[in-house]
């Protein structure tokens, strides 16, 4: 997950900071700072509460694909042989130096 703030909507009420203090901080000038825009899954409930209770609806969560999932997917494809490495498509079994 990735947190996004719409600075045009945010008025610095500080609800986000009270719901998820490890993720949000609000300055004395009422400007929100995202301390960790990709917080760990263990903070998801707190972040969701901050998004839900933001009085100006200035926060949202964007879902992201974890790097581990991407690597695992690439390893699976490579292991089962269904996708050739970049630049090798259609070259299996050919030899450019072969004479007829």
N, C-alpha and C. Protein backbone atom coordinates (compact mmCIF):
# COMPACT_ATOMS: atom_id res chain seq x y z
N UNK A 1 0.84 -1.18 0.00
CA UNK A 1 0.00 0.00 0.00
C UNK A 1 0.88 1.24 0.00
N UNK A 2 0.36 2.26 -0.62
CA UNK A 2 1.04 3.56 -0.67
C UNK A 2 0.03 4.63 -0.29
N UNK A 3 0.44 5.57 0.54
CA UNK A 3 -0.44 6.64 0.99
C UNK A 3 -0.22 7.88 0.13
N UNK A 4 -1.32 8.49 -0.27
CA UNK A 4 -1.27 9.72 -1.08
C UNK A 4 -2.11 10.78 -0.38
N UNK A 5 -1.59 11.99 -0.32
CA UNK A 5 -2.34 13.11 0.26
C UNK A 5 -2.61 14.15 -0.81
N UNK A 6 -3.83 14.65 -0.85
CA UNK A 6 -4.19 15.75 -1.74
C UNK A 6 -4.00 17.03 -0.93
N UNK A 7 -2.92 17.71 -1.19
CA UNK A 7 -2.57 18.90 -0.41
C UNK A 7 -3.55 20.06 -0.63
N UNK A 8 -4.29 20.02 -1.72
CA UNK A 8 -5.30 21.06 -1.94
C UNK A 8 -6.49 20.87 -1.00
N UNK A 9 -6.76 19.64 -0.61
CA UNK A 9 -7.88 19.36 0.29
C UNK A 9 -7.49 19.40 1.76
N UNK A 10 -6.26 19.00 2.06
CA UNK A 10 -5.82 18.89 3.46
C UNK A 10 -5.83 20.26 4.14
N UNK A 11 -6.44 20.29 5.35
CA UNK A 11 -6.47 21.52 6.14
C UNK A 11 -5.69 21.37 7.44
N UNK A 12 -5.02 20.24 7.60
CA UNK A 12 -4.16 20.03 8.76
C UNK A 12 -4.89 19.85 10.07
N UNK A 13 -6.04 19.21 10.05
CA UNK A 13 -6.81 18.97 11.27
C UNK A 13 -6.07 18.04 12.24
N UNK A 14 -5.25 17.14 11.72
CA UNK A 14 -4.46 16.26 12.58
C UNK A 14 -5.11 14.95 12.93
N UNK A 15 -6.26 14.66 12.35
CA UNK A 15 -6.93 13.39 12.63
C UNK A 15 -6.04 12.22 12.21
N UNK A 16 -5.38 12.37 11.07
CA UNK A 16 -4.50 11.30 10.58
C UNK A 16 -3.39 11.01 11.58
N UNK A 17 -2.81 12.05 12.14
CA UNK A 17 -1.74 11.89 13.11
C UNK A 17 -2.24 11.19 14.36
N UNK A 18 -3.44 11.50 14.79
CA UNK A 18 -3.96 10.84 15.99
C UNK A 18 -4.31 9.38 15.72
N UNK A 19 -4.70 9.05 14.50
CA UNK A 19 -5.04 7.66 14.15
C UNK A 19 -3.80 6.81 13.86
N UNK A 20 -2.78 7.42 13.23
CA UNK A 20 -1.58 6.67 12.84
C UNK A 20 -0.34 7.53 13.05
N UNK A 21 0.07 7.72 14.30
CA UNK A 21 1.19 8.62 14.58
C UNK A 21 2.54 8.15 14.02
N UNK A 22 2.66 6.88 13.72
CA UNK A 22 3.91 6.39 13.12
C UNK A 22 4.00 6.71 11.64
N UNK A 23 2.88 7.14 11.06
CA UNK A 23 2.81 7.37 9.62
C UNK A 23 2.64 8.85 9.28
N UNK A 24 1.92 9.59 10.11
CA UNK A 24 1.60 10.99 9.83
C UNK A 24 2.08 11.92 10.94
N UNK A 25 2.46 13.12 10.56
CA UNK A 25 2.77 14.18 11.52
C UNK A 25 2.19 15.47 10.95
N UNK A 26 1.66 16.31 11.83
CA UNK A 26 1.10 17.59 11.40
C UNK A 26 1.86 18.69 12.12
N UNK A 27 2.37 19.64 11.34
CA UNK A 27 3.17 20.73 11.89
C UNK A 27 2.28 21.76 12.58
N UNK A 28 2.93 22.69 13.27
CA UNK A 28 2.18 23.77 13.91
C UNK A 28 1.53 24.70 12.88
N UNK A 29 2.01 24.62 11.63
CA UNK A 29 1.39 25.39 10.54
C UNK A 29 0.28 24.59 9.87
N UNK A 30 -0.11 23.47 10.46
CA UNK A 30 -1.19 22.61 9.96
C UNK A 30 -0.90 22.01 8.60
N UNK A 31 0.34 21.59 8.41
CA UNK A 31 0.75 20.92 7.18
C UNK A 31 1.05 19.46 7.52
N UNK A 32 0.38 18.56 6.82
CA UNK A 32 0.61 17.13 7.09
C UNK A 32 1.89 16.68 6.41
N UNK A 33 2.62 15.84 7.13
CA UNK A 33 3.81 15.20 6.58
C UNK A 33 3.60 13.70 6.67
N UNK A 34 3.81 13.01 5.57
CA UNK A 34 3.72 11.55 5.59
C UNK A 34 5.11 11.04 5.94
N UNK A 35 5.22 10.42 7.11
CA UNK A 35 6.50 9.93 7.60
C UNK A 35 6.94 8.67 6.87
N UNK A 36 5.97 7.89 6.44
CA UNK A 36 6.25 6.64 5.73
C UNK A 36 5.13 6.43 4.73
N UNK A 37 5.37 6.73 3.44
CA UNK A 37 4.29 6.63 2.46
C UNK A 37 4.02 5.20 2.01
N UNK A 38 4.87 4.26 2.43
CA UNK A 38 4.63 2.83 2.17
C UNK A 38 4.80 2.07 3.49
N UNK A 39 3.87 2.27 4.43
CA UNK A 39 4.01 1.65 5.74
C UNK A 39 3.83 0.14 5.69
N UNK A 40 4.33 -0.56 6.69
CA UNK A 40 4.18 -2.02 6.72
C UNK A 40 2.71 -2.42 6.92
N UNK A 41 2.41 -3.63 6.52
CA UNK A 41 1.04 -4.14 6.59
C UNK A 41 0.48 -4.10 8.02
N UNK A 42 1.35 -4.19 9.00
CA UNK A 42 0.90 -4.16 10.39
C UNK A 42 0.26 -2.85 10.80
N UNK A 43 0.49 -1.79 10.03
CA UNK A 43 -0.11 -0.48 10.31
C UNK A 43 -1.33 -0.20 9.46
N UNK A 44 -1.74 -1.17 8.66
CA UNK A 44 -2.84 -0.95 7.72
C UNK A 44 -4.12 -0.48 8.41
N UNK A 45 -4.51 -1.09 9.50
CA UNK A 45 -5.76 -0.70 10.18
C UNK A 45 -5.71 0.75 10.63
N UNK A 46 -4.56 1.18 11.14
CA UNK A 46 -4.41 2.57 11.57
C UNK A 46 -4.48 3.53 10.38
N UNK A 47 -3.82 3.16 9.30
CA UNK A 47 -3.84 4.01 8.09
C UNK A 47 -5.25 4.09 7.52
N UNK A 48 -5.95 2.96 7.48
CA UNK A 48 -7.32 2.97 6.98
C UNK A 48 -8.21 3.86 7.84
N UNK A 49 -8.00 3.85 9.16
CA UNK A 49 -8.77 4.73 10.05
C UNK A 49 -8.45 6.19 9.75
N UNK A 50 -7.19 6.49 9.51
CA UNK A 50 -6.81 7.87 9.18
C UNK A 50 -7.48 8.33 7.90
N UNK A 51 -7.51 7.46 6.90
CA UNK A 51 -8.16 7.78 5.63
C UNK A 51 -9.66 7.96 5.83
N UNK A 52 -10.27 7.04 6.55
CA UNK A 52 -11.72 7.07 6.78
C UNK A 52 -12.16 8.32 7.53
N UNK A 53 -11.41 8.69 8.56
CA UNK A 53 -11.83 9.78 9.44
C UNK A 53 -11.27 11.15 9.07
N UNK A 54 -10.51 11.24 7.98
CA UNK A 54 -10.01 12.54 7.53
C UNK A 54 -11.22 13.42 7.20
N UNK A 55 -11.37 14.55 7.88
CA UNK A 55 -12.58 15.36 7.66
C UNK A 55 -12.69 15.98 6.27
N UNK A 56 -11.58 16.12 5.57
CA UNK A 56 -11.62 16.70 4.23
C UNK A 56 -11.41 15.67 3.12
N UNK A 57 -11.28 14.40 3.51
CA UNK A 57 -11.07 13.30 2.54
C UNK A 57 -9.84 13.54 1.67
N UNK A 58 -8.77 14.03 2.31
CA UNK A 58 -7.55 14.37 1.59
C UNK A 58 -6.60 13.18 1.44
N UNK A 59 -6.91 12.07 2.08
CA UNK A 59 -6.01 10.91 2.04
C UNK A 59 -6.62 9.77 1.26
N UNK A 60 -5.74 9.00 0.62
CA UNK A 60 -6.20 7.77 -0.02
C UNK A 60 -5.08 6.75 0.02
N UNK A 61 -5.45 5.49 -0.13
CA UNK A 61 -4.50 4.40 -0.18
C UNK A 61 -4.49 3.87 -1.60
N UNK A 62 -3.29 3.76 -2.17
CA UNK A 62 -3.12 3.12 -3.47
C UNK A 62 -2.48 1.75 -3.21
N UNK A 63 -3.06 0.74 -3.79
CA UNK A 63 -2.51 -0.60 -3.62
C UNK A 63 -1.30 -0.77 -4.52
N UNK A 64 -0.28 -1.41 -4.00
CA UNK A 64 0.94 -1.67 -4.76
C UNK A 64 1.24 -3.16 -4.73
N UNK A 65 2.02 -3.61 -5.70
CA UNK A 65 2.46 -5.01 -5.72
C UNK A 65 3.78 -5.06 -4.97
N UNK A 66 3.86 -5.96 -4.00
CA UNK A 66 5.09 -6.10 -3.23
C UNK A 66 6.21 -6.62 -4.12
N UNK A 67 7.41 -6.16 -3.88
CA UNK A 67 8.57 -6.59 -4.67
C UNK A 67 8.75 -8.09 -4.59
N UNK A 68 8.48 -8.69 -3.43
CA UNK A 68 8.63 -10.13 -3.29
C UNK A 68 7.67 -10.88 -4.21
N UNK A 69 6.43 -10.36 -4.35
CA UNK A 69 5.46 -11.01 -5.22
C UNK A 69 5.90 -10.91 -6.67
N UNK A 70 6.45 -9.78 -7.07
CA UNK A 70 6.93 -9.59 -8.43
C UNK A 70 8.08 -10.55 -8.72
N UNK A 71 9.03 -10.65 -7.81
CA UNK A 71 10.16 -11.55 -7.99
C UNK A 71 9.68 -12.98 -8.07
N UNK A 72 8.76 -13.37 -7.19
CA UNK A 72 8.25 -14.74 -7.21
C UNK A 72 7.57 -15.04 -8.53
N UNK A 73 6.80 -14.09 -9.06
CA UNK A 73 6.11 -14.30 -10.33
C UNK A 73 7.13 -14.45 -11.45
N UNK A 74 8.17 -13.65 -11.46
CA UNK A 74 9.19 -13.75 -12.50
C UNK A 74 9.93 -15.08 -12.41
N UNK A 75 10.20 -15.54 -11.20
CA UNK A 75 10.89 -16.81 -11.02
C UNK A 75 10.02 -17.96 -11.48
N UNK A 76 8.71 -17.89 -11.24
CA UNK A 76 7.81 -18.95 -11.66
C UNK A 76 7.76 -19.03 -13.19
N UNK A 77 7.65 -17.90 -13.83
CA UNK A 77 7.60 -17.89 -15.29
C UNK A 77 8.90 -18.44 -15.85
N UNK A 78 10.02 -18.01 -15.34
CA UNK A 78 11.31 -18.48 -15.84
C UNK A 78 11.48 -19.97 -15.58
N UNK A 79 11.04 -20.46 -14.43
CA UNK A 79 11.22 -21.86 -14.07
C UNK A 79 10.39 -22.79 -14.94
N UNK A 80 9.19 -22.36 -15.36
CA UNK A 80 8.37 -23.28 -16.16
C UNK A 80 8.68 -23.18 -17.65
N UNK A 81 9.55 -22.25 -18.04
CA UNK A 81 10.02 -22.16 -19.41
C UNK A 81 9.03 -21.60 -20.41
N UNK A 82 7.94 -20.99 -19.97
CA UNK A 82 6.95 -20.48 -20.91
C UNK A 82 7.33 -19.14 -21.52
N UNK A 83 8.27 -18.43 -20.93
CA UNK A 83 8.67 -17.14 -21.45
C UNK A 83 10.17 -17.16 -21.66
N UNK A 84 10.60 -16.83 -22.86
CA UNK A 84 12.02 -16.78 -23.15
C UNK A 84 12.61 -15.50 -22.60
N UNK A 85 13.89 -15.50 -22.37
CA UNK A 85 14.57 -14.30 -21.91
C UNK A 85 14.49 -13.23 -22.99
N UNK A 86 14.53 -11.99 -22.59
CA UNK A 86 14.43 -10.88 -23.54
C UNK A 86 15.48 -11.02 -24.64
N UNK A 87 15.06 -10.88 -25.89
CA UNK A 87 15.98 -10.94 -27.01
C UNK A 87 16.22 -12.34 -27.55
N UNK A 88 15.58 -13.37 -26.96
CA UNK A 88 15.83 -14.73 -27.42
C UNK A 88 14.60 -15.36 -28.05
N UNK A 89 13.52 -14.60 -28.21
CA UNK A 89 12.30 -15.15 -28.78
C UNK A 89 12.56 -15.66 -30.20
N UNK A 90 12.15 -16.88 -30.48
CA UNK A 90 12.21 -17.44 -31.82
C UNK A 90 13.60 -17.89 -32.25
N UNK A 91 14.54 -18.00 -31.33
CA UNK A 91 15.90 -18.40 -31.72
C UNK A 91 16.24 -19.82 -31.30
N UNK A 92 15.32 -20.49 -30.66
CA UNK A 92 15.61 -21.84 -30.19
C UNK A 92 15.88 -22.77 -31.37
N UNK A 93 16.97 -23.53 -31.28
CA UNK A 93 17.29 -24.52 -32.29
C UNK A 93 17.87 -23.96 -33.57
N UNK A 94 18.24 -22.71 -33.62
CA UNK A 94 18.83 -22.14 -34.83
C UNK A 94 20.30 -21.86 -34.60
N UNK A 95 21.07 -21.95 -35.67
CA UNK A 95 22.49 -21.64 -35.59
C UNK A 95 22.82 -20.81 -36.82
N UNK A 96 23.16 -19.57 -36.62
CA UNK A 96 23.43 -18.67 -37.74
C UNK A 96 24.64 -19.11 -38.57
N UNK A 97 25.52 -19.89 -38.00
CA UNK A 97 26.73 -20.31 -38.69
C UNK A 97 26.57 -21.67 -39.38
N UNK A 98 25.40 -22.23 -39.34
CA UNK A 98 25.15 -23.57 -39.90
C UNK A 98 25.11 -23.48 -41.43
N UNK A 99 25.83 -24.38 -42.08
CA UNK A 99 25.81 -24.42 -43.55
C UNK A 99 24.89 -25.53 -43.99
N UNK A 100 24.21 -25.31 -45.15
CA UNK A 100 23.31 -26.33 -45.66
C UNK A 100 23.99 -27.23 -46.64
